[in-house]
Amino acid sequence: MRKDLTLKKHIPRTKLATKDSLRSMLKQYGMVYVKPSHGSQGRGVMKMQKLGAKYTYQLGSKKSTFTTYEAAYRSIHKEMKGKRYLVQKGIRLLKHKGRRFDIRLMVQRAPQGGWAATGTLGRAAHPGKIVTNGSQGGSIYSTVQVLKSHAGPAGRWKLLKSMDRLGLRTARLLRGISPGIKELGLDFAIDAKLKPWILEVNTVPAVCPFSLLADKSMLRRIVRYGKAYGKTYQLKCTKAKRGK
């Protein structure tokens, strides 16, 4: 994806997490995310910051502070448990009711051919955590709910259209590499300038969060498109919950 110049502008810089790469990216950006290269449901994701002369990181709801980088890295390295991790430029997510959120975009093969953006929703993190996944206590909102305090109708429309274009471009690119792909779930961070950043691309996206929205039109469309290529979905959410 980084070879595509359009997509590259919307992907946070990411490197293999080593002692040196983590130090240099932390120095450059001030805040980074350290995440498993093959993780799922937000497990193992850590947020690390340099605050003055101190280094802090958060895993789940646990926060740790250190006076030296060496001590901080030893602790983080222990949490990695010998697995391959990535370090990614930190994007400071917008907030809804004091909770940081991202936006999930669903992209699917259309029954008539080609690709279509079929639904979006907002995912707000648990107040004490850094990831928005339902399994980590996240809540589901409509995109209008999470964006309305940050952008008016025209601004929201422009942002959502931009995400649609990025999602469709990603799908066409990945389809060329893996012809069997029929659907994607893209997770977007939105920064203070309303720029969308692609955080994750999921090839087996959960659809049940769309069942928590009051408006069921997107859910019906997603299910209909999936049925056209032989897919059925688990629509009962056992982890994510509807935001209040």
Foldseek 3Di string as FASTA:
>chain_A
DCVPVVQVVQAFDKDWDDLVVVVVLCVVQQKKWKAAPDDPLQALIKIWGCDPQKIWMDHQLDIDIDNDSVVVVVVSVVSCVPGTMMITRDFDFDDAPQFGKKKKWKKFAALVGAIFTQAMWIFTADNRGDDRGLQSVIAIGHPCRGCVVQDPPVLSVVLVVVVRVSVSVVVVVVCVVPVVQGMWMWIWGQHSVRRTHTDDIGSDDALQSLVQYPDCRSVVRVQVRQVSVPDDHDNDDPGYHHDD
